[in-house]
Amino acid sequence: MITGGSASLVSLSPSPAPIPAPLQAPPPTDEIRYLHTLGPTGTNLESAAHLWFRRQGRADEGRVVLHTSLEQAMGSVPRTGEHALLACAVYPELHTLVFGNLRTCRMVDCFLWPTHEMVFAVPPGASAEPRTVATHPAPAGLVPSTSTRRLVTSNAQAAIDCAEGRADGCVTTVVAARAHGLRILRSYGEVPMVFTVHHVRETG
């Protein structure tokens, strides 16, 4: 209740801010013929790269090239304009990849798509709770607190290391787990994920 004096109405809608000048137009995505991303085969990024080419209508002509890491890919990708990196929002050091390569690498697209089903898996004959678990840094939070993390370069590599005895268990994709004959202890389901496309071109 207002007593004495006078009251005035205050607008809750601020004056519209000036519209900033548009950023320089990004390079057209239709010149991208190669997507470089994380391997070995069976990673979420590999699957997303093929999806991007299908959505662009270039499934037949687009080529997906797999690397040990995106940092390694960045150092070897030709700067001709036909190449791009495909990353994801949770990739470790993505900010360094972006801001450390502004002269040659520019984000030109992104899309939301679920990962493969993420799983916790062990070799088929394992009977005890895994003491060491191979995992990429991104999903390392899925490793049980009773296990020791063994960081590797990708979800697919985690499955390989587990199958070859370098770890007692792994956090990986269901695709990689099945490809290497692992037994799935639990599933975390598909994870909604933002994937990003970074065009590579020498700017002088």
N, C-alpha and C. Protein backbone atom coordinates (compact mmCIF):
# COMPACT_ATOMS: atom_id res chain seq x y z
N MET A 1 0.85 -1.18 0.00
CA MET A 1 0.00 0.00 0.00
C MET A 1 0.89 1.23 0.00
N ILE A 2 0.56 2.19 -0.87
CA ILE A 2 1.32 3.43 -0.95
C ILE A 2 0.61 4.50 -0.14
N THR A 3 1.32 5.17 0.78
CA THR A 3 0.72 6.23 1.60
C THR A 3 1.50 7.51 1.39
N GLY A 4 0.76 8.60 1.17
CA GLY A 4 1.38 9.90 1.02
C GLY A 4 2.20 10.01 -0.25
N GLY A 5 2.54 11.23 -0.61
CA GLY A 5 3.36 11.46 -1.79
C GLY A 5 2.63 11.02 -3.06
N SER A 6 3.39 10.79 -4.08
CA SER A 6 2.81 10.37 -5.35
C SER A 6 3.60 9.19 -5.89
N ALA A 7 2.97 8.43 -6.70
CA ALA A 7 3.60 7.26 -7.31
C ALA A 7 3.71 7.47 -8.81
N SER A 8 4.71 6.89 -9.41
CA SER A 8 4.85 6.98 -10.87
C SER A 8 5.11 5.59 -11.42
N LEU A 9 4.71 5.38 -12.63
CA LEU A 9 4.91 4.10 -13.29
C LEU A 9 6.32 4.03 -13.85
N VAL A 10 6.95 2.91 -13.69
CA VAL A 10 8.29 2.68 -14.22
C VAL A 10 8.22 1.57 -15.26
N SER A 11 8.71 1.84 -16.42
CA SER A 11 8.69 0.83 -17.48
C SER A 11 9.69 -0.27 -17.15
N LEU A 12 9.26 -1.52 -17.27
CA LEU A 12 10.14 -2.65 -17.03
C LEU A 12 10.85 -3.08 -18.31
N SER A 13 10.53 -2.45 -19.42
CA SER A 13 11.16 -2.80 -20.69
C SER A 13 12.20 -1.75 -21.04
N PRO A 14 13.47 -2.05 -20.95
CA PRO A 14 14.51 -1.06 -21.27
C PRO A 14 14.49 -0.71 -22.74
N SER A 15 15.05 0.43 -23.04
CA SER A 15 15.15 0.83 -24.44
C SER A 15 15.98 -0.20 -25.19
N PRO A 16 15.58 -0.52 -26.41
CA PRO A 16 16.34 -1.54 -27.14
C PRO A 16 17.77 -1.11 -27.39
N ALA A 17 18.69 -2.05 -27.17
CA ALA A 17 20.10 -1.76 -27.40
C ALA A 17 20.37 -1.67 -28.88
N PRO A 18 21.32 -0.86 -29.28
CA PRO A 18 21.65 -0.79 -30.71
C PRO A 18 22.12 -2.14 -31.23
N ILE A 19 21.73 -2.45 -32.45
CA ILE A 19 22.12 -3.72 -33.05
C ILE A 19 23.56 -3.62 -33.51
N PRO A 20 24.43 -4.54 -33.03
CA PRO A 20 25.83 -4.45 -33.43
C PRO A 20 26.00 -4.75 -34.91
N ALA A 21 27.08 -4.26 -35.46
CA ALA A 21 27.38 -4.54 -36.86
C ALA A 21 27.59 -6.03 -37.04
N PRO A 22 27.14 -6.60 -38.14
CA PRO A 22 27.30 -8.04 -38.34
C PRO A 22 28.76 -8.44 -38.44
N LEU A 23 29.03 -9.65 -37.94
CA LEU A 23 30.38 -10.17 -38.05
C LEU A 23 30.70 -10.48 -39.51
N GLN A 24 31.95 -10.56 -39.81
CA GLN A 24 32.36 -10.93 -41.16
C GLN A 24 31.76 -12.30 -41.49
N ALA A 25 31.16 -12.41 -42.65
CA ALA A 25 30.50 -13.65 -43.03
C ALA A 25 31.48 -14.82 -43.00
N PRO A 26 31.08 -15.94 -42.37
CA PRO A 26 31.99 -17.09 -42.32
C PRO A 26 32.12 -17.73 -43.69
N PRO A 27 33.18 -18.48 -43.89
CA PRO A 27 33.35 -19.16 -45.17
C PRO A 27 32.17 -20.09 -45.43
N PRO A 28 31.75 -20.24 -46.67
CA PRO A 28 30.63 -21.13 -46.97
C PRO A 28 30.98 -22.58 -46.65
N THR A 29 30.05 -23.27 -46.04
CA THR A 29 30.31 -24.66 -45.68
C THR A 29 30.27 -25.58 -46.89
N ASP A 30 29.76 -25.11 -48.01
CA ASP A 30 29.63 -26.01 -49.16
C ASP A 30 30.97 -26.31 -49.83
N GLU A 31 32.06 -25.64 -49.41
CA GLU A 31 33.36 -25.97 -49.99
C GLU A 31 34.09 -27.03 -49.17
N ILE A 32 33.52 -27.42 -48.03
CA ILE A 32 34.18 -28.41 -47.18
C ILE A 32 33.98 -29.81 -47.77
N ARG A 33 35.07 -30.49 -48.04
CA ARG A 33 35.03 -31.84 -48.59
C ARG A 33 35.64 -32.88 -47.64
N TYR A 34 36.39 -32.41 -46.64
CA TYR A 34 37.02 -33.32 -45.68
C TYR A 34 36.71 -32.84 -44.26
N LEU A 35 36.24 -33.73 -43.42
CA LEU A 35 36.05 -33.45 -42.01
C LEU A 35 37.06 -34.28 -41.22
N HIS A 36 37.91 -33.60 -40.49
CA HIS A 36 38.91 -34.26 -39.66
C HIS A 36 38.40 -34.30 -38.23
N THR A 37 38.45 -35.48 -37.61
CA THR A 37 37.92 -35.59 -36.26
C THR A 37 38.61 -36.72 -35.51
N LEU A 38 38.07 -37.06 -34.35
CA LEU A 38 38.74 -37.95 -33.42
C LEU A 38 38.48 -39.42 -33.75
N GLY A 39 39.56 -40.21 -33.80
CA GLY A 39 39.46 -41.64 -33.99
C GLY A 39 40.02 -42.37 -32.77
N PRO A 40 40.20 -43.69 -32.87
CA PRO A 40 39.92 -44.53 -34.03
C PRO A 40 38.43 -44.73 -34.25
N THR A 41 38.08 -45.54 -35.23
CA THR A 41 36.68 -45.70 -35.59
C THR A 41 35.84 -46.15 -34.40
N GLY A 42 34.62 -45.61 -34.32
CA GLY A 42 33.72 -45.92 -33.21
C GLY A 42 33.45 -44.76 -32.29
N THR A 43 34.05 -43.59 -32.55
CA THR A 43 33.83 -42.43 -31.69
C THR A 43 32.52 -41.74 -32.04
N ASN A 44 32.01 -40.98 -31.08
CA ASN A 44 30.82 -40.15 -31.33
C ASN A 44 31.11 -39.11 -32.40
N LEU A 45 32.32 -38.58 -32.41
CA LEU A 45 32.68 -37.55 -33.38
C LEU A 45 32.72 -38.10 -34.80
N GLU A 46 33.17 -39.32 -34.97
CA GLU A 46 33.15 -39.92 -36.30
C GLU A 46 31.71 -40.03 -36.80
N SER A 47 30.82 -40.52 -35.94
CA SER A 47 29.41 -40.65 -36.32
C SER A 47 28.81 -39.30 -36.67
N ALA A 48 29.12 -38.27 -35.88
CA ALA A 48 28.58 -36.93 -36.12
C ALA A 48 29.12 -36.35 -37.42
N ALA A 49 30.36 -36.66 -37.77
CA ALA A 49 30.95 -36.16 -39.02
C ALA A 49 30.20 -36.72 -40.23
N HIS A 50 29.90 -38.01 -40.21
CA HIS A 50 29.14 -38.61 -41.31
C HIS A 50 27.73 -38.03 -41.37
N LEU A 51 27.14 -37.78 -40.20
CA LEU A 51 25.81 -37.17 -40.17
C LEU A 51 25.84 -35.78 -40.81
N TRP A 52 26.86 -35.00 -40.50
CA TRP A 52 26.94 -33.64 -41.06
C TRP A 52 27.00 -33.68 -42.58
N PHE A 53 27.79 -34.57 -43.13
CA PHE A 53 27.86 -34.68 -44.59
C PHE A 53 26.51 -35.11 -45.17
N ARG A 54 25.81 -36.02 -44.48
CA ARG A 54 24.48 -36.43 -44.98
C ARG A 54 23.52 -35.25 -44.98
N ARG A 55 23.56 -34.46 -43.92
CA ARG A 55 22.67 -33.29 -43.84
C ARG A 55 23.01 -32.24 -44.89
N GLN A 56 24.26 -32.22 -45.31
CA GLN A 56 24.69 -31.28 -46.34
C GLN A 56 24.42 -31.82 -47.75
N GLY A 57 23.93 -33.04 -47.84
CA GLY A 57 23.69 -33.65 -49.13
C GLY A 57 24.95 -34.10 -49.83
N ARG A 58 26.03 -34.35 -49.05
CA ARG A 58 27.31 -34.72 -49.65
C ARG A 58 27.84 -36.01 -49.05
N ALA A 59 26.95 -36.95 -48.72
CA ALA A 59 27.38 -38.20 -48.10
C ALA A 59 28.32 -38.98 -49.00
N ASP A 60 28.14 -38.89 -50.31
CA ASP A 60 28.97 -39.67 -51.23
C ASP A 60 30.34 -39.04 -51.48
N GLU A 61 30.40 -37.71 -51.47
CA GLU A 61 31.67 -37.05 -51.79
C GLU A 61 32.44 -36.61 -50.57
N GLY A 62 31.79 -36.48 -49.43
CA GLY A 62 32.49 -36.05 -48.21
C GLY A 62 33.35 -37.16 -47.64
N ARG A 63 34.50 -36.81 -47.10
CA ARG A 63 35.43 -37.78 -46.53
C ARG A 63 35.70 -37.45 -45.06
N VAL A 64 35.60 -38.46 -44.21
CA VAL A 64 35.89 -38.29 -42.79
C VAL A 64 37.27 -38.87 -42.51
N VAL A 65 38.15 -38.05 -41.94
CA VAL A 65 39.54 -38.45 -41.66
C VAL A 65 39.72 -38.49 -40.14
N LEU A 66 40.21 -39.61 -39.62
CA LEU A 66 40.32 -39.79 -38.18
C LEU A 66 41.75 -39.54 -37.70
N HIS A 67 41.86 -38.91 -36.52
CA HIS A 67 43.15 -38.55 -35.93
C HIS A 67 43.20 -38.98 -34.48
N THR A 68 44.41 -39.01 -33.93
CA THR A 68 44.59 -39.34 -32.51
C THR A 68 44.00 -38.27 -31.61
N SER A 69 44.08 -37.02 -32.02
CA SER A 69 43.50 -35.90 -31.27
C SER A 69 43.18 -34.79 -32.25
N LEU A 70 42.34 -33.87 -31.83
CA LEU A 70 42.04 -32.72 -32.69
C LEU A 70 43.24 -31.78 -32.77
N GLU A 71 44.03 -31.74 -31.71
CA GLU A 71 45.23 -30.91 -31.74
C GLU A 71 46.21 -31.43 -32.80
N GLN A 72 46.35 -32.76 -32.86
CA GLN A 72 47.22 -33.35 -33.88
C GLN A 72 46.65 -33.09 -35.27
N ALA A 73 45.33 -33.16 -35.40
CA ALA A 73 44.70 -32.89 -36.69
C ALA A 73 44.95 -31.45 -37.12
N MET A 74 44.83 -30.52 -36.19
CA MET A 74 45.00 -29.10 -36.50
C MET A 74 46.38 -28.83 -37.09
N GLY A 75 47.37 -29.57 -36.64
CA GLY A 75 48.72 -29.36 -37.14
C GLY A 75 48.98 -29.93 -38.51
N SER A 76 48.09 -30.81 -38.99
CA SER A 76 48.36 -31.48 -40.26
C SER A 76 47.32 -31.20 -41.34
N VAL A 77 46.22 -30.56 -41.01
CA VAL A 77 45.16 -30.32 -41.98
C VAL A 77 45.60 -29.29 -43.02
N PRO A 78 45.44 -29.58 -44.32
CA PRO A 78 45.77 -28.58 -45.35
C PRO A 78 44.90 -27.33 -45.20
N ARG A 79 45.49 -26.16 -45.44
CA ARG A 79 44.79 -24.88 -45.27
C ARG A 79 44.18 -24.41 -46.60
N THR A 80 43.61 -25.31 -47.37
CA THR A 80 43.11 -24.98 -48.71
C THR A 80 41.66 -24.53 -48.74
N GLY A 81 40.94 -24.70 -47.63
CA GLY A 81 39.53 -24.35 -47.60
C GLY A 81 38.60 -25.53 -47.79
N GLU A 82 39.13 -26.66 -48.25
CA GLU A 82 38.30 -27.85 -48.43
C GLU A 82 38.23 -28.71 -47.17
N HIS A 83 38.96 -28.30 -46.13
CA HIS A 83 39.08 -29.11 -44.92
C HIS A 83 38.49 -28.38 -43.71
N ALA A 84 37.98 -29.18 -42.77
CA ALA A 84 37.45 -28.64 -41.52
C ALA A 84 37.64 -29.65 -40.41
N LEU A 85 37.64 -29.16 -39.18
CA LEU A 85 37.66 -30.03 -38.01
C LEU A 85 36.25 -30.15 -37.47
N LEU A 86 35.90 -31.33 -36.97
CA LEU A 86 34.63 -31.49 -36.26
C LEU A 86 34.94 -31.81 -34.81
N ALA A 87 34.45 -30.97 -33.91
CA ALA A 87 34.69 -31.13 -32.47
C ALA A 87 33.34 -31.22 -31.76
N CYS A 88 33.38 -31.19 -30.43
CA CYS A 88 32.12 -31.14 -29.68
C CYS A 88 32.31 -30.25 -28.47
N ALA A 89 31.19 -29.84 -27.88
CA ALA A 89 31.22 -28.82 -26.83
C ALA A 89 31.99 -29.27 -25.60
N VAL A 90 32.10 -30.58 -25.35
CA VAL A 90 32.79 -31.05 -24.15
C VAL A 90 34.21 -31.51 -24.43
N TYR A 91 34.69 -31.28 -25.65
CA TYR A 91 36.06 -31.70 -25.96
C TYR A 91 37.04 -30.89 -25.10
N PRO A 92 37.97 -31.56 -24.40
CA PRO A 92 38.93 -30.83 -23.56
C PRO A 92 39.74 -29.83 -24.39
N GLU A 93 39.95 -28.65 -23.82
CA GLU A 93 40.75 -27.61 -24.46
C GLU A 93 40.19 -27.12 -25.79
N LEU A 94 38.88 -27.24 -25.98
CA LEU A 94 38.28 -26.72 -27.21
C LEU A 94 38.51 -25.21 -27.32
N HIS A 95 38.47 -24.51 -26.19
CA HIS A 95 38.70 -23.07 -26.21
C HIS A 95 40.10 -22.74 -26.71
N THR A 96 41.09 -23.57 -26.35
CA THR A 96 42.44 -23.35 -26.83
C THR A 96 42.53 -23.60 -28.33
N LEU A 97 41.85 -24.62 -28.80
CA LEU A 97 41.83 -24.92 -30.22
C LEU A 97 41.25 -23.75 -31.01
N VAL A 98 40.18 -23.15 -30.47
CA VAL A 98 39.52 -22.03 -31.16
C VAL A 98 40.38 -20.77 -31.11
N PHE A 99 40.74 -20.32 -29.92
CA PHE A 99 41.41 -19.04 -29.78
C PHE A 99 42.90 -19.10 -30.11
N GLY A 100 43.46 -20.30 -30.13
CA GLY A 100 44.86 -20.43 -30.49
C GLY A 100 45.10 -20.52 -31.99
N ASN A 101 44.00 -20.58 -32.77
CA ASN A 101 44.14 -20.73 -34.22
C ASN A 101 43.20 -19.81 -34.99
N LEU A 102 42.99 -18.60 -34.48
CA LEU A 102 42.02 -17.70 -35.09
C LEU A 102 42.38 -17.31 -36.52
N ARG A 103 43.63 -17.32 -36.87
CA ARG A 103 44.04 -16.90 -38.22
C ARG A 103 43.77 -17.97 -39.26
N THR A 104 43.64 -19.22 -38.82
CA THR A 104 43.47 -20.30 -39.79
C THR A 104 42.23 -21.15 -39.57
N CYS A 105 41.58 -21.02 -38.44
CA CYS A 105 40.48 -21.92 -38.10
C CYS A 105 39.31 -21.12 -37.54
N ARG A 106 38.13 -21.28 -38.16
CA ARG A 106 36.96 -20.50 -37.75
C ARG A 106 35.73 -21.39 -37.67
N MET A 107 34.99 -21.27 -36.55
CA MET A 107 33.77 -22.05 -36.39
C MET A 107 32.70 -21.55 -37.37
N VAL A 108 32.14 -22.48 -38.16
CA VAL A 108 31.17 -22.10 -39.19
C VAL A 108 29.83 -22.79 -39.04
N ASP A 109 29.73 -23.78 -38.15
CA ASP A 109 28.46 -24.48 -37.99
C ASP A 109 28.46 -25.23 -36.67
N CYS A 110 27.27 -25.54 -36.18
CA CYS A 110 27.11 -26.40 -35.02
C CYS A 110 25.74 -27.05 -35.08
N PHE A 111 25.59 -28.17 -34.40
CA PHE A 111 24.30 -28.85 -34.40
C PHE A 111 24.19 -29.73 -33.16
N LEU A 112 22.94 -29.97 -32.77
CA LEU A 112 22.65 -30.79 -31.59
C LEU A 112 22.27 -32.19 -32.05
N TRP A 113 22.95 -33.19 -31.50
CA TRP A 113 22.68 -34.58 -31.87
C TRP A 113 23.11 -35.48 -30.73
N PRO A 114 22.36 -36.54 -30.42
CA PRO A 114 22.76 -37.41 -29.31
C PRO A 114 23.99 -38.25 -29.64
N THR A 115 24.80 -38.50 -28.65
CA THR A 115 25.92 -39.42 -28.80
C THR A 115 25.39 -40.84 -28.96
N HIS A 116 26.30 -41.76 -29.27
CA HIS A 116 25.97 -43.17 -29.11
C HIS A 116 25.63 -43.40 -27.64
N GLU A 117 24.98 -44.49 -27.35
CA GLU A 117 24.75 -44.89 -25.96
C GLU A 117 26.12 -45.02 -25.28
N MET A 118 26.28 -44.34 -24.16
CA MET A 118 27.54 -44.41 -23.41
C MET A 118 27.43 -45.51 -22.36
N VAL A 119 28.49 -46.33 -22.23
CA VAL A 119 28.42 -47.50 -21.37
C VAL A 119 29.68 -47.65 -20.53
N PHE A 120 29.52 -48.43 -19.47
CA PHE A 120 30.64 -48.86 -18.63
C PHE A 120 30.81 -50.35 -18.92
N ALA A 121 31.99 -50.73 -19.41
CA ALA A 121 32.17 -52.09 -19.90
C ALA A 121 33.46 -52.72 -19.39
N VAL A 122 33.48 -54.05 -19.41
CA VAL A 122 34.65 -54.81 -18.95
C VAL A 122 34.87 -55.97 -19.93
N PRO A 123 36.04 -56.63 -19.87
CA PRO A 123 36.25 -57.82 -20.69
C PRO A 123 35.23 -58.91 -20.32
N PRO A 124 34.94 -59.80 -21.24
CA PRO A 124 33.87 -60.79 -21.00
C PRO A 124 34.10 -61.67 -19.78
N GLY A 125 35.36 -61.96 -19.42
CA GLY A 125 35.61 -62.85 -18.30
C GLY A 125 35.80 -62.16 -16.97
N ALA A 126 35.67 -60.84 -16.93
CA ALA A 126 35.92 -60.10 -15.68
C ALA A 126 34.86 -60.42 -14.64
N SER A 127 35.31 -60.59 -13.39
CA SER A 127 34.36 -60.92 -12.31
C SER A 127 34.35 -59.88 -11.21
N ALA A 128 35.47 -59.18 -11.00
CA ALA A 128 35.56 -58.19 -9.92
C ALA A 128 35.29 -56.79 -10.45
N GLU A 129 34.98 -55.87 -9.54
CA GLU A 129 34.80 -54.46 -9.91
C GLU A 129 36.14 -53.95 -10.46
N PRO A 130 36.13 -53.27 -11.61
CA PRO A 130 37.39 -52.83 -12.22
C PRO A 130 38.19 -51.90 -11.31
N ARG A 131 39.49 -52.19 -11.20
CA ARG A 131 40.36 -51.31 -10.41
C ARG A 131 40.80 -50.10 -11.23
N THR A 132 41.10 -50.33 -12.51
CA THR A 132 41.48 -49.23 -13.40
C THR A 132 40.48 -49.17 -14.55
N VAL A 133 40.09 -47.95 -14.92
CA VAL A 133 39.08 -47.75 -15.96
C VAL A 133 39.63 -46.78 -16.99
N ALA A 134 39.72 -47.23 -18.23
CA ALA A 134 40.16 -46.36 -19.32
C ALA A 134 39.02 -45.44 -19.73
N THR A 135 39.32 -44.17 -19.90
CA THR A 135 38.29 -43.20 -20.26
C THR A 135 38.91 -41.98 -20.94
N HIS A 136 38.18 -41.43 -21.89
CA HIS A 136 38.54 -40.12 -22.42
C HIS A 136 38.26 -39.09 -21.33
N PRO A 137 38.97 -37.96 -21.30
CA PRO A 137 38.72 -36.97 -20.23
C PRO A 137 37.28 -36.47 -20.19
N ALA A 138 36.60 -36.37 -21.34
CA ALA A 138 35.26 -35.79 -21.35
C ALA A 138 34.26 -36.57 -20.49
N PRO A 139 34.12 -37.90 -20.63
CA PRO A 139 33.16 -38.64 -19.79
C PRO A 139 33.79 -39.23 -18.53
N ALA A 140 34.94 -38.72 -18.10
CA ALA A 140 35.64 -39.30 -16.95
C ALA A 140 34.78 -39.28 -15.68
N GLY A 141 33.81 -38.37 -15.63
CA GLY A 141 32.92 -38.32 -14.47
C GLY A 141 32.05 -39.55 -14.30
N LEU A 142 31.98 -40.38 -15.33
CA LEU A 142 31.19 -41.62 -15.26
C LEU A 142 31.96 -42.77 -14.62
N VAL A 143 33.25 -42.60 -14.40
CA VAL A 143 34.06 -43.66 -13.77
C VAL A 143 33.67 -43.77 -12.30
N PRO A 144 33.38 -44.97 -11.82
CA PRO A 144 33.03 -45.14 -10.39
C PRO A 144 34.13 -44.60 -9.47
N SER A 145 33.73 -44.08 -8.34
CA SER A 145 34.69 -43.49 -7.40
C SER A 145 35.63 -44.53 -6.82
N THR A 146 35.27 -45.80 -6.91
CA THR A 146 36.12 -46.87 -6.38
C THR A 146 37.20 -47.29 -7.36
N SER A 147 37.17 -46.75 -8.58
CA SER A 147 38.14 -47.14 -9.60
C SER A 147 39.10 -45.99 -9.89
N THR A 148 40.26 -46.32 -10.42
CA THR A 148 41.26 -45.34 -10.83
C THR A 148 41.10 -45.05 -12.31
N ARG A 149 41.07 -43.78 -12.68
CA ARG A 149 40.93 -43.40 -14.08
C ARG A 149 42.26 -43.58 -14.82
N ARG A 150 42.17 -44.10 -16.03
CA ARG A 150 43.33 -44.15 -16.93
C ARG A 150 42.94 -43.39 -18.19
N LEU A 151 43.43 -42.16 -18.31
CA LEU A 151 43.00 -41.29 -19.40
C LEU A 151 43.60 -41.72 -20.73
N VAL A 152 42.73 -41.75 -21.75
CA VAL A 152 43.14 -42.11 -23.11
C VAL A 152 42.60 -41.06 -24.07
N THR A 153 42.89 -41.23 -25.36
CA THR A 153 42.61 -40.18 -26.33
C THR A 153 41.19 -40.16 -26.87
N SER A 154 40.42 -41.23 -26.69
CA SER A 154 39.04 -41.25 -27.20
C SER A 154 38.25 -42.37 -26.54
N ASN A 155 36.93 -42.32 -26.70
CA ASN A 155 36.08 -43.40 -26.19
C ASN A 155 36.41 -44.72 -26.88
N ALA A 156 36.68 -44.66 -28.18
CA ALA A 156 37.01 -45.87 -28.92
C ALA A 156 38.33 -46.46 -28.43
N GLN A 157 39.31 -45.59 -28.16
CA GLN A 157 40.60 -46.07 -27.65
C GLN A 157 40.44 -46.70 -26.27
N ALA A 158 39.52 -46.19 -25.48
CA ALA A 158 39.25 -46.77 -24.16
C ALA A 158 38.82 -48.22 -24.29
N ALA A 159 37.96 -48.50 -25.26
CA ALA A 159 37.50 -49.88 -25.48
C ALA A 159 38.66 -50.77 -25.93
N ILE A 160 39.53 -50.25 -26.79
CA ILE A 160 40.68 -51.02 -27.26
C ILE A 160 41.60 -51.36 -26.09
N ASP A 161 41.90 -50.35 -25.25
CA ASP A 161 42.80 -50.58 -24.12
C ASP A 161 42.22 -51.60 -23.15
N CYS A 162 40.91 -51.55 -22.95
CA CYS A 162 40.25 -52.50 -22.06
C CYS A 162 40.32 -53.91 -22.65
N ALA A 163 40.02 -54.04 -23.92
CA ALA A 163 40.04 -55.35 -24.58
C ALA A 163 41.44 -55.95 -24.60
N GLU A 164 42.47 -55.09 -24.68
CA GLU A 164 43.85 -55.58 -24.76
C GLU A 164 44.53 -55.68 -23.40
N GLY A 165 43.76 -55.47 -22.31
CA GLY A 165 44.27 -55.71 -20.98
C GLY A 165 45.04 -54.57 -20.34
N ARG A 166 45.01 -53.39 -20.95
CA ARG A 166 45.72 -52.25 -20.36
C ARG A 166 44.88 -51.55 -19.29
N ALA A 167 43.62 -51.93 -19.17
CA ALA A 167 42.73 -51.42 -18.13
C ALA A 167 41.72 -52.52 -17.80
N ASP A 168 41.19 -52.47 -16.58
CA ASP A 168 40.23 -53.51 -16.16
C ASP A 168 38.83 -53.23 -16.68
N GLY A 169 38.55 -51.98 -17.00
CA GLY A 169 37.23 -51.60 -17.51
C GLY A 169 37.37 -50.35 -18.34
N CYS A 170 36.25 -49.86 -18.86
CA CYS A 170 36.31 -48.64 -19.66
C CYS A 170 34.96 -47.95 -19.72
N VAL A 171 35.01 -46.65 -19.95
CA VAL A 171 33.82 -45.88 -20.32
C VAL A 171 33.95 -45.65 -21.81
N THR A 172 32.95 -46.08 -22.57
CA THR A 172 33.07 -46.04 -24.02
C THR A 172 31.68 -45.95 -24.64
N THR A 173 31.63 -46.03 -25.96
CA THR A 173 30.34 -46.09 -26.65
C THR A 173 29.90 -47.54 -26.78
N VAL A 174 28.61 -47.76 -26.92
CA VAL A 174 28.11 -49.12 -27.10
C VAL A 174 28.65 -49.71 -28.39
N VAL A 175 28.88 -48.85 -29.40
CA VAL A 175 29.43 -49.31 -30.67
C VAL A 175 30.82 -49.88 -30.49
N ALA A 176 31.69 -49.15 -29.78
CA ALA A 176 33.06 -49.62 -29.56
C ALA A 176 33.09 -50.83 -28.63
N ALA A 177 32.24 -50.85 -27.62
CA ALA A 177 32.20 -51.98 -26.69
C ALA A 177 31.85 -53.27 -27.43
N ARG A 178 30.85 -53.21 -28.28
CA ARG A 178 30.45 -54.41 -29.02
C ARG A 178 31.51 -54.81 -30.04
N ALA A 179 32.14 -53.81 -30.67
CA ALA A 179 33.16 -54.11 -31.68
C ALA A 179 34.34 -54.87 -31.08
N HIS A 180 34.60 -54.66 -29.79
CA HIS A 180 35.76 -55.29 -29.15
C HIS A 180 35.35 -56.39 -28.17
N GLY A 181 34.11 -56.84 -28.25
CA GLY A 181 33.66 -57.99 -27.48
C GLY A 181 33.59 -57.77 -25.98
N LEU A 182 33.35 -56.55 -25.55
CA LEU A 182 33.30 -56.25 -24.12
C LEU A 182 31.92 -56.53 -23.54
N ARG A 183 31.89 -56.76 -22.25
CA ARG A 183 30.62 -56.99 -21.54
C ARG A 183 30.18 -55.68 -20.89
N ILE A 184 28.96 -55.28 -21.14
CA ILE A 184 28.45 -54.00 -20.63
C ILE A 184 27.89 -54.19 -19.23
N LEU A 185 28.45 -53.46 -18.27
CA LEU A 185 27.96 -53.53 -16.89
C LEU A 185 26.80 -52.58 -16.66
N ARG A 186 26.88 -51.39 -17.23
CA ARG A 186 25.77 -50.45 -17.10
C ARG A 186 25.78 -49.47 -18.27
N SER A 187 24.60 -48.96 -18.57
CA SER A 187 24.45 -48.00 -19.66
C SER A 187 24.02 -46.65 -19.09
N TYR A 188 24.59 -45.59 -19.64
CA TYR A 188 24.21 -44.24 -19.25
C TYR A 188 23.30 -43.61 -20.31
N GLY A 189 23.01 -44.35 -21.35
CA GLY A 189 22.13 -43.86 -22.40
C GLY A 189 22.81 -42.90 -23.35
N GLU A 190 22.05 -42.41 -24.30
CA GLU A 190 22.55 -41.40 -25.22
C GLU A 190 22.63 -40.05 -24.51
N VAL A 191 23.59 -39.24 -24.90
CA VAL A 191 23.77 -37.93 -24.26
C VAL A 191 23.58 -36.84 -25.31
N PRO A 192 22.61 -35.93 -25.13
CA PRO A 192 22.48 -34.82 -26.08
C PRO A 192 23.79 -34.04 -26.15
N MET A 193 24.26 -33.76 -27.36
CA MET A 193 25.58 -33.15 -27.50
C MET A 193 25.57 -32.10 -28.61
N VAL A 194 26.32 -31.02 -28.40
CA VAL A 194 26.53 -30.00 -29.43
C VAL A 194 27.84 -30.31 -30.14
N PHE A 195 27.78 -30.46 -31.45
CA PHE A 195 28.96 -30.69 -32.28
C PHE A 195 29.26 -29.43 -33.07
N THR A 196 30.54 -29.14 -33.26
CA THR A 196 30.95 -27.89 -33.89
C THR A 196 31.86 -28.17 -35.09
N VAL A 197 31.69 -27.36 -36.13
CA VAL A 197 32.48 -27.50 -37.35
C VAL A 197 33.39 -26.28 -37.49
N HIS A 198 34.69 -26.52 -37.68
CA HIS A 198 35.69 -25.46 -37.72
C HIS A 198 36.40 -25.49 -39.08
N HIS A 199 36.12 -24.50 -39.90
CA HIS A 199 36.69 -24.42 -41.25
C HIS A 199 38.16 -24.01 -41.17
N VAL A 200 39.00 -24.66 -41.93
CA VAL A 200 40.44 -24.38 -41.91
C VAL A 200 40.86 -23.78 -43.24
N ARG A 201 41.42 -22.57 -43.17
CA ARG A 201 41.90 -21.91 -44.38
C ARG A 201 43.00 -20.92 -44.01
N GLU A 202 44.06 -20.91 -44.78
CA GLU A 202 45.15 -19.96 -44.54
C GLU A 202 44.68 -18.55 -44.93
N THR A 203 44.80 -17.61 -43.98
CA THR A 203 44.32 -16.26 -44.23
C THR A 203 45.46 -15.29 -44.51
N GLY A 204 46.67 -15.75 -44.49
CA GLY A 204 47.81 -14.88 -44.77
C GLY A 204 48.36 -14.18 -43.55
